[in-house]
Amino acid sequence: MDETPRKVLVVTPHPDDADFWCAGTIAKWIGDGAAVRYVLCTDGGKGTT
């Protein structure tokens, strides 16, 4: 992707998925001025580590 999107919607099933899989890309977009919003599909309450 050569251009920074103006708006980004990150949809993940678990609260930490975006942090593990695409945090660097999201941080770059935010640094470049993109408006980033998250949609979490669960609260992570049933997960195990």
Foldseek 3Di string as FASTA:
>chain_A
DPDQDQEEEAEDAEDCPCVPPPPVVVVVSVVVNHHYDYDYNDDCPPDDD
